[in-house]
Amino acid sequence: MSSSFSNQVKAYRRRLGFAQSDMAVLLGDRSTSRVSRYERGRRLPPLLIGLTYQAIFGVAGAELFPKEYAAVLRSVRDRAKTLASKSHPKNAARAAQRKRAINNLLAR
C-alpha cells in the first residue's frame, strides 16, 4: 500500500534519537499507533499535532510536510489569481495594499 502523504517526520524523529514511544509521549498520546500512521503517511496529522511536531523539531510545517505544503501553495496562488481579477476596493491606499498582498502570494 502506498503512502497518501509525504513527510519528513520519521527522519526528524530519528535525527533526535527518539523512539516512536518517545514521540507518543511528547504528542500527548498513550500509543505509538498514531505516530506510526503519521510517519508512514497513512494520516495527515491535525493542526495541533502538526504544530506540536514543529515545536519538537524546531522546523516549519512546510519542511515537515513539503508535498502537502506545495499543493496548498498552488491552490492559494490559483485563488489569488482569481482574486486579482475581481474589482478592487475604492480606497486607493487599500487597493494598493491588496495588490501588494496578492503579488506577494503569487511570487511565492
PDB file of N, CA and C in Angstrom:
ATOM      1  N   MET A   1       0.841  -1.182   0.000  1.00  0.00           N
ATOM      2  CA  MET A   1       0.000   0.000   0.000  1.00  0.00           C
ATOM      3  C   MET A   1       0.885   1.244   0.000  1.00  0.00           C
ATOM      4  N   SER A   2       0.627   2.169  -0.887  1.00  0.00           N
ATOM      5  CA  SER A   2       1.465   3.363  -0.966  1.00  0.00           C
ATOM      6  C   SER A   2       0.988   4.441   0.001  1.00  0.00           C
ATOM      7  N   SER A   3       1.888   5.336   0.355  1.00  0.00           N
ATOM      8  CA  SER A   3       1.557   6.417   1.262  1.00  0.00           C
ATOM      9  C   SER A   3       0.701   7.461   0.563  1.00  0.00           C
ATOM     10  N   SER A   4      -0.228   8.021   1.312  1.00  0.00           N
ATOM     11  CA  SER A   4      -1.054   9.093   0.784  1.00  0.00           C
ATOM     12  C   SER A   4      -0.370  10.435   0.952  1.00  0.00           C
ATOM     13  N   PHE A   5       0.401  10.562   2.018  1.00  0.00           N
ATOM     14  CA  PHE A   5       1.045  11.820   2.338  1.00  0.00           C
ATOM     15  C   PHE A   5       2.552  11.624   2.398  1.00  0.00           C
ATOM     16  N   SER A   6       3.260  12.659   2.043  1.00  0.00           N
ATOM     17  CA  SER A   6       4.719  12.629   2.095  1.00  0.00           C
ATOM     18  C   SER A   6       5.161  13.503   3.259  1.00  0.00           C
ATOM     19  N   ASN A   7       6.043  12.996   4.091  1.00  0.00           N
ATOM     20  CA  ASN A   7       6.507  13.833   5.192  1.00  0.00           C
ATOM     21  C   ASN A   7       7.916  13.451   5.624  1.00  0.00           C
ATOM     22  N   GLN A   8       8.463  14.305   6.448  1.00  0.00           N
ATOM     23  CA  GLN A   8       9.820  14.124   6.961  1.00  0.00           C
ATOM     24  C   GLN A   8       9.828  13.832   8.460  1.00  0.00           C
ATOM     25  N   VAL A   9       8.674  13.502   9.020  1.00  0.00           N
ATOM     26  CA  VAL A   9       8.553  13.314  10.461  1.00  0.00           C
ATOM     27  C   VAL A   9       9.478  12.213  10.970  1.00  0.00           C
ATOM     28  N   LYS A  10       9.493  11.075  10.305  1.00  0.00           N
ATOM     29  CA  LYS A  10      10.338   9.963  10.756  1.00  0.00           C
ATOM     30  C   LYS A  10      11.815  10.339  10.721  1.00  0.00           C
ATOM     31  N   ALA A  11      12.228  11.019   9.658  1.00  0.00           N
ATOM     32  CA  ALA A  11      13.636  11.426   9.540  1.00  0.00           C
ATOM     33  C   ALA A  11      14.030  12.366  10.679  1.00  0.00           C
ATOM     34  N   TYR A  12      13.178  13.319  10.989  1.00  0.00           N
ATOM     35  CA  TYR A  12      13.489  14.251  12.086  1.00  0.00           C
ATOM     36  C   TYR A  12      13.474  13.532  13.429  1.00  0.00           C
ATOM     37  N   ARG A  13      12.531  12.621  13.612  1.00  0.00           N
ATOM     38  CA  ARG A  13      12.488  11.863  14.865  1.00  0.00           C
ATOM     39  C   ARG A  13      13.786  11.096  15.059  1.00  0.00           C
ATOM     40  N   ARG A  14      14.243  10.441  14.013  1.00  0.00           N
ATOM     41  CA  ARG A  14      15.479   9.650  14.109  1.00  0.00           C
ATOM     42  C   ARG A  14      16.700  10.537  14.361  1.00  0.00           C
ATOM     43  N   ARG A  15      16.722  11.717  13.739  1.00  0.00           N
ATOM     44  CA  ARG A  15      17.859  12.634  13.971  1.00  0.00           C
ATOM     45  C   ARG A  15      17.980  13.015  15.439  1.00  0.00           C
ATOM     46  N   LEU A  16      16.831  13.108  16.114  1.00  0.00           N
ATOM     47  CA  LEU A  16      16.853  13.464  17.532  1.00  0.00           C
ATOM     48  C   LEU A  16      17.072  12.252  18.437  1.00  0.00           C
ATOM     49  N   GLY A  17      17.054  11.057  17.852  1.00  0.00           N
ATOM     50  CA  GLY A  17      17.258   9.849  18.633  1.00  0.00           C
ATOM     51  C   GLY A  17      16.031   9.402  19.403  1.00  0.00           C
ATOM     52  N   PHE A  18      14.864   9.866  19.013  1.00  0.00           N
ATOM     53  CA  PHE A  18      13.628   9.497  19.683  1.00  0.00           C
ATOM     54  C   PHE A  18      13.035   8.227  19.085  1.00  0.00           C
ATOM     55  N   ALA A  19      12.482   7.392  19.940  1.00  0.00           N
ATOM     56  CA  ALA A  19      11.686   6.238  19.503  1.00  0.00           C
ATOM     57  C   ALA A  19      10.262   6.724  19.273  1.00  0.00           C
ATOM     58  N   GLN A  20       9.466   5.906  18.601  1.00  0.00           N
ATOM     59  CA  GLN A  20       8.064   6.277  18.411  1.00  0.00           C
ATOM     60  C   GLN A  20       7.354   6.438  19.758  1.00  0.00           C
ATOM     61  N   SER A  21       7.738   5.648  20.735  1.00  0.00           N
ATOM     62  CA  SER A  21       7.127   5.778  22.064  1.00  0.00           C
ATOM     63  C   SER A  21       7.464   7.129  22.697  1.00  0.00           C
ATOM     64  N   ASP A  22       8.677   7.632  22.450  1.00  0.00           N
ATOM     65  CA  ASP A  22       9.044   8.969  22.932  1.00  0.00           C
ATOM     66  C   ASP A  22       8.159  10.029  22.285  1.00  0.00           C
ATOM     67  N   MET A  23       7.950   9.882  20.967  1.00  0.00           N
ATOM     68  CA  MET A  23       7.113  10.850  20.247  1.00  0.00           C
ATOM     69  C   MET A  23       5.686  10.805  20.761  1.00  0.00           C
ATOM     70  N   ALA A  24       5.186   9.597  21.049  1.00  0.00           N
ATOM     71  CA  ALA A  24       3.824   9.479  21.564  1.00  0.00           C
ATOM     72  C   ALA A  24       3.674  10.277  22.859  1.00  0.00           C
ATOM     73  N   VAL A  25       4.664  10.168  23.741  1.00  0.00           N
ATOM     74  CA  VAL A  25       4.629  10.927  24.995  1.00  0.00           C
ATOM     75  C   VAL A  25       4.640  12.424  24.700  1.00  0.00           C
ATOM     76  N   LEU A  26       5.535  12.865  23.826  1.00  0.00           N
ATOM     77  CA  LEU A  26       5.636  14.289  23.504  1.00  0.00           C
ATOM     78  C   LEU A  26       4.374  14.830  22.829  1.00  0.00           C
ATOM     79  N   LEU A  27       3.702  13.967  22.080  1.00  0.00           N
ATOM     80  CA  LEU A  27       2.475  14.375  21.407  1.00  0.00           C
ATOM     81  C   LEU A  27       1.250  14.260  22.323  1.00  0.00           C
ATOM     82  N   GLY A  28       1.451  13.725  23.523  1.00  0.00           N
ATOM     83  CA  GLY A  28       0.351  13.580  24.462  1.00  0.00           C
ATOM     84  C   GLY A  28      -0.525  12.383  24.178  1.00  0.00           C
ATOM     85  N   ASP A  29       0.061  11.367  23.588  1.00  0.00           N
ATOM     86  CA  ASP A  29      -0.678  10.155  23.237  1.00  0.00           C
ATOM     87  C   ASP A  29      -0.153   8.992  24.067  1.00  0.00           C
ATOM     88  N   ARG A  30      -0.992   7.997  24.288  1.00  0.00           N
ATOM     89  CA  ARG A  30      -0.578   6.819  25.060  1.00  0.00           C
ATOM     90  C   ARG A  30      -0.024   5.710  24.180  1.00  0.00           C
ATOM     91  N   SER A  31      -0.337   5.768  22.904  1.00  0.00           N
ATOM     92  CA  SER A  31       0.016   4.690  21.990  1.00  0.00           C
ATOM     93  C   SER A  31       0.896   5.224  20.857  1.00  0.00           C
ATOM     94  N   THR A  32       1.668   4.321  20.267  1.00  0.00           N
ATOM     95  CA  THR A  32       2.506   4.717  19.132  1.00  0.00           C
ATOM     96  C   THR A  32       1.775   4.555  17.801  1.00  0.00           C
ATOM     97  N   SER A  33       0.557   4.056  17.823  1.00  0.00           N
ATOM     98  CA  SER A  33      -0.142   3.764  16.563  1.00  0.00           C
ATOM     99  C   SER A  33      -0.353   5.022  15.716  1.00  0.00           C
ATOM    100  N   ARG A  34      -0.736   6.136  16.337  1.00  0.00           N
ATOM    101  CA  ARG A  34      -0.916   7.366  15.549  1.00  0.00           C
ATOM    102  C   ARG A  34       0.418   7.888  15.036  1.00  0.00           C
ATOM    103  N   VAL A  35       1.432   7.822  15.866  1.00  0.00           N
ATOM    104  CA  VAL A  35       2.768   8.250  15.438  1.00  0.00           C
ATOM    105  C   VAL A  35       3.169   7.465  14.199  1.00  0.00           C
ATOM    106  N   SER A  36       2.964   6.174  14.229  1.00  0.00           N
ATOM    107  CA  SER A  36       3.297   5.316  13.091  1.00  0.00           C
ATOM    108  C   SER A  36       2.499   5.700  11.848  1.00  0.00           C
ATOM    109  N   ARG A  37       1.201   5.932  12.010  1.00  0.00           N
ATOM    110  CA  ARG A  37       0.369   6.320  10.860  1.00  0.00           C
ATOM    111  C   ARG A  37       0.816   7.647  10.269  1.00  0.00           C
ATOM    112  N   TYR A  38       1.196   8.598  11.126  1.00  0.00           N
ATOM    113  CA  TYR A  38       1.687   9.889  10.617  1.00  0.00           C
ATOM    114  C   TYR A  38       2.996   9.691   9.860  1.00  0.00           C
ATOM    115  N   GLU A  39       3.896   8.906  10.433  1.00  0.00           N
ATOM    116  CA  GLU A  39       5.201   8.703   9.803  1.00  0.00           C
ATOM    117  C   GLU A  39       5.088   7.960   8.476  1.00  0.00           C
ATOM    118  N   ARG A  40       4.183   7.013   8.387  1.00  0.00           N
ATOM    119  CA  ARG A  40       4.022   6.245   7.150  1.00  0.00           C
ATOM    120  C   ARG A  40       3.162   6.971   6.119  1.00  0.00           C
ATOM    121  N   GLY A  41       2.631   8.116   6.498  1.00  0.00           N
ATOM    122  CA  GLY A  41       1.811   8.875   5.565  1.00  0.00           C
ATOM    123  C   GLY A  41       0.405   8.345   5.427  1.00  0.00           C
ATOM    124  N   ARG A  42      -0.025   7.541   6.365  1.00  0.00           N
ATOM    125  CA  ARG A  42      -1.387   6.993   6.320  1.00  0.00           C
ATOM    126  C   ARG A  42      -2.404   8.048   6.749  1.00  0.00           C
ATOM    127  N   ARG A  43      -1.973   8.943   7.594  1.00  0.00           N
ATOM    128  CA  ARG A  43      -2.828  10.022   8.089  1.00  0.00           C
ATOM    129  C   ARG A  43      -2.035  11.329   8.090  1.00  0.00           C
ATOM    130  N   LEU A  44      -2.720  12.392   7.761  1.00  0.00           N
ATOM    131  CA  LEU A  44      -2.147  13.726   7.898  1.00  0.00           C
ATOM    132  C   LEU A  44      -2.544  14.211   9.286  1.00  0.00           C
ATOM    133  N   PRO A  45      -1.577  14.593  10.108  1.00  0.00           N
ATOM    134  CA  PRO A  45      -1.938  14.982  11.473  1.00  0.00           C
ATOM    135  C   PRO A  45      -2.797  16.247  11.497  1.00  0.00           C
ATOM    136  N   PRO A  46      -3.663  16.359  12.493  1.00  0.00           N
ATOM    137  CA  PRO A  46      -4.441  17.586  12.637  1.00  0.00           C
ATOM    138  C   PRO A  46      -3.518  18.760  12.980  1.00  0.00           C
ATOM    139  N   LEU A  47      -4.040  19.949  12.856  1.00  0.00           N
ATOM    140  CA  LEU A  47      -3.241  21.166  13.038  1.00  0.00           C
ATOM    141  C   LEU A  47      -2.446  21.169  14.345  1.00  0.00           C
ATOM    142  N   LEU A  48      -3.089  20.869  15.458  1.00  0.00           N
ATOM    143  CA  LEU A  48      -2.378  20.945  16.739  1.00  0.00           C
ATOM    144  C   LEU A  48      -1.235  19.936  16.830  1.00  0.00           C
ATOM    145  N   ILE A  49      -1.407  18.769  16.252  1.00  0.00           N
ATOM    146  CA  ILE A  49      -0.314  17.790  16.233  1.00  0.00           C
ATOM    147  C   ILE A  49       0.790  18.292  15.308  1.00  0.00           C
ATOM    148  N   GLY A  50       0.430  18.849  14.158  1.00  0.00           N
ATOM    149  CA  GLY A  50       1.422  19.430  13.253  1.00  0.00           C
ATOM    150  C   GLY A  50       2.224  20.525  13.932  1.00  0.00           C
ATOM    151  N   LEU A  51       1.538  21.366  14.692  1.00  0.00           N
ATOM    152  CA  LEU A  51       2.236  22.424  15.433  1.00  0.00           C
ATOM    153  C   LEU A  51       3.114  21.841  16.537  1.00  0.00           C
ATOM    154  N   THR A  52       2.667  20.743  17.127  1.00  0.00           N
ATOM    155  CA  THR A  52       3.480  20.078  18.149  1.00  0.00           C
ATOM    156  C   THR A  52       4.755  19.518  17.524  1.00  0.00           C
ATOM    157  N   TYR A  53       4.632  18.895  16.349  1.00  0.00           N
ATOM    158  CA  TYR A  53       5.826  18.425  15.641  1.00  0.00           C
ATOM    159  C   TYR A  53       6.763  19.599  15.368  1.00  0.00           C
ATOM    160  N   GLN A  54       6.206  20.709  14.941  1.00  0.00           N
ATOM    161  CA  GLN A  54       7.010  21.897  14.660  1.00  0.00           C
ATOM    162  C   GLN A  54       7.759  22.341  15.917  1.00  0.00           C
ATOM    163  N   ALA A  55       7.080  22.338  17.058  1.00  0.00           N
ATOM    164  CA  ALA A  55       7.716  22.730  18.318  1.00  0.00           C
ATOM    165  C   ALA A  55       8.811  21.743  18.725  1.00  0.00           C
ATOM    166  N   ILE A  56       8.579  20.468  18.526  1.00  0.00           N
ATOM    167  CA  ILE A  56       9.557  19.439  18.912  1.00  0.00           C
ATOM    168  C   ILE A  56      10.801  19.515  18.035  1.00  0.00           C
ATOM    169  N   PHE A  57      10.591  19.601  16.726  1.00  0.00           N
ATOM    170  CA  PHE A  57      11.715  19.547  15.794  1.00  0.00           C
ATOM    171  C   PHE A  57      12.334  20.906  15.498  1.00  0.00           C
ATOM    172  N   GLY A  58      11.614  21.974  15.799  1.00  0.00           N
ATOM    173  CA  GLY A  58      12.136  23.315  15.545  1.00  0.00           C
ATOM    174  C   GLY A  58      12.200  23.678  14.067  1.00  0.00           C
ATOM    175  N   VAL A  59      11.328  23.075  13.272  1.00  0.00           N
ATOM    176  CA  VAL A  59      11.270  23.389  11.839  1.00  0.00           C
ATOM    177  C   VAL A  59       9.820  23.658  11.450  1.00  0.00           C
ATOM    178  N   ALA A  60       9.651  24.408  10.389  1.00  0.00           N
ATOM    179  CA  ALA A  60       8.317  24.775   9.919  1.00  0.00           C
ATOM    180  C   ALA A  60       7.569  23.556   9.385  1.00  0.00           C
ATOM    181  N   GLY A  61       6.257  23.630   9.482  1.00  0.00           N
ATOM    182  CA  GLY A  61       5.414  22.573   8.961  1.00  0.00           C
ATOM    183  C   GLY A  61       5.643  22.325   7.477  1.00  0.00           C
ATOM    184  N   ALA A  62       5.968  23.381   6.745  1.00  0.00           N
ATOM    185  CA  ALA A  62       6.239  23.247   5.308  1.00  0.00           C
ATOM    186  C   ALA A  62       7.445  22.350   5.055  1.00  0.00           C
ATOM    187  N   GLU A  63       8.377  22.335   5.980  1.00  0.00           N
ATOM    188  CA  GLU A  63       9.552  21.471   5.845  1.00  0.00           C
ATOM    189  C   GLU A  63       9.220  20.027   6.239  1.00  0.00           C
ATOM    190  N   LEU A  64       8.321  19.875   7.192  1.00  0.00           N
ATOM    191  CA  LEU A  64       7.926  18.539   7.635  1.00  0.00           C
ATOM    192  C   LEU A  64       7.000  17.854   6.632  1.00  0.00           C
ATOM    193  N   PHE A  65       6.171  18.653   5.967  1.00  0.00           N
ATOM    194  CA  PHE A  65       5.189  18.138   5.012  1.00  0.00           C
ATOM    195  C   PHE A  65       5.311  18.891   3.691  1.00  0.00           C
ATOM    196  N   PRO A  66       6.452  18.743   2.999  1.00  0.00           N
ATOM    197  CA  PRO A  66       6.724  19.573   1.812  1.00  0.00           C
ATOM    198  C   PRO A  66       5.750  19.359   0.652  1.00  0.00           C
ATOM    199  N   LYS A  67       5.348  18.126   0.419  1.00  0.00           N
ATOM    200  CA  LYS A  67       4.432  17.853  -0.698  1.00  0.00           C
ATOM    201  C   LYS A  67       3.066  18.497  -0.449  1.00  0.00           C
ATOM    202  N   GLU A  68       2.567  18.367   0.766  1.00  0.00           N
ATOM    203  CA  GLU A  68       1.279  18.955   1.103  1.00  0.00           C
ATOM    204  C   GLU A  68       1.350  20.480   1.076  1.00  0.00           C
ATOM    205  N   TYR A  69       2.472  21.028   1.569  1.00  0.00           N
ATOM    206  CA  TYR A  69       2.633  22.484   1.541  1.00  0.00           C
ATOM    207  C   TYR A  69       2.640  22.994   0.101  1.00  0.00           C
ATOM    208  N   ALA A  70       3.340  22.306  -0.775  1.00  0.00           N
ATOM    209  CA  ALA A  70       3.392  22.721  -2.180  1.00  0.00           C
ATOM    210  C   ALA A  70       2.003  22.702  -2.805  1.00  0.00           C
ATOM    211  N   ALA A  71       1.208  21.704  -2.483  1.00  0.00           N
ATOM    212  CA  ALA A  71      -0.159  21.618  -3.015  1.00  0.00           C
ATOM    213  C   ALA A  71      -1.024  22.762  -2.488  1.00  0.00           C
ATOM    214  N   VAL A  72      -0.890  23.062  -1.207  1.00  0.00           N
ATOM    215  CA  VAL A  72      -1.648  24.172  -0.617  1.00  0.00           C
ATOM    216  C   VAL A  72      -1.227  25.491  -1.265  1.00  0.00           C
ATOM    217  N   LEU A  73       0.070  25.685  -1.437  1.00  0.00           N
ATOM    218  CA  LEU A  73       0.567  26.919  -2.040  1.00  0.00           C
ATOM    219  C   LEU A  73       0.046  27.087  -3.467  1.00  0.00           C
ATOM    220  N   ARG A  74       0.028  25.999  -4.238  1.00  0.00           N
ATOM    221  CA  ARG A  74      -0.522  26.067  -5.603  1.00  0.00           C
ATOM    222  C   ARG A  74      -1.986  26.496  -5.582  1.00  0.00           C
ATOM    223  N   SER A  75      -2.750  25.935  -4.658  1.00  0.00           N
ATOM    224  CA  SER A  75      -4.169  26.281  -4.551  1.00  0.00           C
ATOM    225  C   SER A  75      -4.359  27.745  -4.171  1.00  0.00           C
ATOM    226  N   VAL A  76      -3.558  28.213  -3.233  1.00  0.00           N
ATOM    227  CA  VAL A  76      -3.662  29.614  -2.812  1.00  0.00           C
ATOM    228  C   VAL A  76      -3.289  30.541  -3.970  1.00  0.00           C
ATOM    229  N   ARG A  77      -2.251  30.199  -4.707  1.00  0.00           N
ATOM    230  CA  ARG A  77      -1.869  31.010  -5.868  1.00  0.00           C
ATOM    231  C   ARG A  77      -2.997  31.070  -6.893  1.00  0.00           C
ATOM    232  N   ASP A  78      -3.613  29.938  -7.168  1.00  0.00           N
ATOM    233  CA  ASP A  78      -4.726  29.911  -8.124  1.00  0.00           C
ATOM    234  C   ASP A  78      -5.864  30.812  -7.656  1.00  0.00           C
ATOM    235  N   ARG A  79      -6.184  30.735  -6.373  1.00  0.00           N
ATOM    236  CA  ARG A  79      -7.260  31.580  -5.845  1.00  0.00           C
ATOM    237  C   ARG A  79      -6.854  33.045  -5.818  1.00  0.00           C
ATOM    238  N   ALA A  80      -5.566  33.318  -5.603  1.00  0.00           N
ATOM    239  CA  ALA A  80      -5.084  34.709  -5.625  1.00  0.00           C
ATOM    240  C   ALA A  80      -5.218  35.298  -7.022  1.00  0.00           C
ATOM    241  N   LYS A  81      -4.984  34.479  -8.052  1.00  0.00           N
ATOM    242  CA  LYS A  81      -5.174  34.957  -9.435  1.00  0.00           C
ATOM    243  C   LYS A  81      -6.629  35.328  -9.670  1.00  0.00           C
ATOM    244  N   THR A  82      -7.532  34.511  -9.167  1.00  0.00           N
ATOM    245  CA  THR A  82      -8.961  34.809  -9.279  1.00  0.00           C
ATOM    246  C   THR A  82      -9.290  36.096  -8.532  1.00  0.00           C
ATOM    247  N   LEU A  83      -8.747  36.231  -7.351  1.00  0.00           N
ATOM    248  CA  LEU A  83      -8.979  37.431  -6.544  1.00  0.00           C
ATOM    249  C   LEU A  83      -8.455  38.678  -7.246  1.00  0.00           C
ATOM    250  N   ALA A  84      -7.311  38.550  -7.901  1.00  0.00           N
ATOM    251  CA  ALA A  84      -6.716  39.700  -8.594  1.00  0.00           C
ATOM    252  C   ALA A  84      -7.608  40.196  -9.726  1.00  0.00           C
ATOM    253  N   SER A  85      -8.379  39.322 -10.307  1.00  0.00           N
ATOM    254  CA  SER A  85      -9.231  39.713 -11.427  1.00  0.00           C
ATOM    255  C   SER A  85     -10.548  40.350 -10.971  1.00  0.00           C
ATOM    256  N   LYS A  86     -10.845  40.294  -9.696  1.00  0.00           N
ATOM    257  CA  LYS A  86     -12.079  40.881  -9.168  1.00  0.00           C
ATOM    258  C   LYS A  86     -11.891  42.359  -8.889  1.00  0.00           C
ATOM    259  N   SER A  87     -12.993  43.060  -8.728  1.00  0.00           N
ATOM    260  CA  SER A  87     -12.931  44.511  -8.527  1.00  0.00           C
ATOM    261  C   SER A  87     -12.122  44.862  -7.285  1.00  0.00           C
ATOM    262  N   HIS A  88     -11.494  46.012  -7.360  1.00  0.00           N
ATOM    263  CA  HIS A  88     -10.622  46.477  -6.285  1.00  0.00           C
ATOM    264  C   HIS A  88     -11.378  47.414  -5.356  1.00  0.00           C
ATOM    265  N   PRO A  89     -10.908  47.536  -4.123  1.00  0.00           N
ATOM    266  CA  PRO A  89     -11.523  48.493  -3.200  1.00  0.00           C
ATOM    267  C   PRO A  89     -11.437  49.908  -3.769  1.00  0.00           C
ATOM    268  N   LYS A  90     -12.395  50.730  -3.428  1.00  0.00           N
ATOM    269  CA  LYS A  90     -12.412  52.114  -3.936  1.00  0.00           C
ATOM    270  C   LYS A  90     -11.341  52.981  -3.291  1.00  0.00           C
ATOM    271  N   ASN A  91     -10.970  52.661  -2.084  1.00  0.00           N
ATOM    272  CA  ASN A  91      -9.919  53.386  -1.383  1.00  0.00           C
ATOM    273  C   ASN A  91      -8.578  53.051  -2.039  1.00  0.00           C
ATOM    274  N   ALA A  92      -7.878  54.054  -2.538  1.00  0.00           N
ATOM    275  CA  ALA A  92      -6.632  53.840  -3.285  1.00  0.00           C
ATOM    276  C   ALA A  92      -5.552  53.172  -2.435  1.00  0.00           C
ATOM    277  N   ALA A  93      -5.434  53.596  -1.183  1.00  0.00           N
ATOM    278  CA  ALA A  93      -4.406  53.003  -0.314  1.00  0.00           C
ATOM    279  C   ALA A  93      -4.707  51.529  -0.053  1.00  0.00           C
ATOM    280  N   ARG A  94      -5.959  51.233   0.179  1.00  0.00           N
ATOM    281  CA  ARG A  94      -6.333  49.842   0.430  1.00  0.00           C
ATOM    282  C   ARG A  94      -6.182  48.990  -0.830  1.00  0.00           C
ATOM    283  N   ALA A  95      -6.497  49.569  -1.976  1.00  0.00           N
ATOM    284  CA  ALA A  95      -6.335  48.855  -3.246  1.00  0.00           C
ATOM    285  C   ALA A  95      -4.865  48.531  -3.492  1.00  0.00           C
ATOM    286  N   ALA A  96      -3.978  49.481  -3.196  1.00  0.00           N
ATOM    287  CA  ALA A  96      -2.539  49.262  -3.373  1.00  0.00           C
ATOM    288  C   ALA A  96      -2.034  48.193  -2.408  1.00  0.00           C
ATOM    289  N   GLN A  97      -2.519  48.243  -1.178  1.00  0.00           N
ATOM    290  CA  GLN A  97      -2.121  47.249  -0.174  1.00  0.00           C
ATOM    291  C   GLN A  97      -2.581  45.857  -0.614  1.00  0.00           C
ATOM    292  N   ARG A  98      -3.807  45.754  -1.097  1.00  0.00           N
ATOM    293  CA  ARG A  98      -4.362  44.493  -1.567  1.00  0.00           C
ATOM    294  C   ARG A  98      -3.564  43.954  -2.740  1.00  0.00           C
ATOM    295  N   LYS A  99      -3.217  44.841  -3.668  1.00  0.00           N
ATOM    296  CA  LYS A  99      -2.449  44.428  -4.850  1.00  0.00           C
ATOM    297  C   LYS A  99      -1.079  43.883  -4.439  1.00  0.00           C
ATOM    298  N   ARG A 100      -0.418  44.546  -3.489  1.00  0.00           N
ATOM    299  CA  ARG A 100       0.881  44.075  -2.997  1.00  0.00           C
ATOM    300  C   ARG A 100       0.754  42.700  -2.352  1.00  0.00           C
ATOM    301  N   ALA A 101      -0.300  42.518  -1.556  1.00  0.00           N
ATOM    302  CA  ALA A 101      -0.507  41.238  -0.880  1.00  0.00           C
ATOM    303  C   ALA A 101      -0.725  40.118  -1.897  1.00  0.00           C
ATOM    304  N   ILE A 102      -1.522  40.389  -2.924  1.00  0.00           N
ATOM    305  CA  ILE A 102      -1.762  39.391  -3.970  1.00  0.00           C
ATOM    306  C   ILE A 102      -0.480  39.090  -4.725  1.00  0.00           C
ATOM    307  N   ASN A 103       0.274  40.124  -5.073  1.00  0.00           N
ATOM    308  CA  ASN A 103       1.548  39.922  -5.782  1.00  0.00           C
ATOM    309  C   ASN A 103       2.533  39.119  -4.934  1.00  0.00           C
ATOM    310  N   ASN A 104       2.544  39.357  -3.633  1.00  0.00           N
ATOM    311  CA  ASN A 104       3.422  38.585  -2.739  1.00  0.00           C
ATOM    312  C   ASN A 104       3.027  37.111  -2.730  1.00  0.00           C
ATOM    313  N   LEU A 105       1.710  36.849  -2.720  1.00  0.00           N
ATOM    314  CA  LEU A 105       1.259  35.450  -2.765  1.00  0.00           C
ATOM    315  C   LEU A 105       1.667  34.787  -4.079  1.00  0.00           C
ATOM    316  N   LEU A 106       1.527  35.518  -5.161  1.00  0.00           N
ATOM    317  CA  LEU A 106       1.861  34.944  -6.470  1.00  0.00           C
ATOM    318  C   LEU A 106       3.362  34.744  -6.655  1.00  0.00           C
ATOM    319  N   ALA A 107       4.163  35.516  -5.933  1.00  0.00           N
ATOM    320  CA  ALA A 107       5.622  35.424  -6.059  1.00  0.00           C
ATOM    321  C   ALA A 107       6.216  34.251  -5.274  1.00  0.00           C
ATOM    322  N   ARG A 108       5.448  33.673  -4.364  1.00  0.00           N
ATOM    323  CA  ARG A 108       5.983  32.575  -3.540  1.00  0.00           C
ATOM    324  C   ARG A 108       6.099  31.289  -4.322  1.00  0.00           C
TER     325      ARG A 108
END
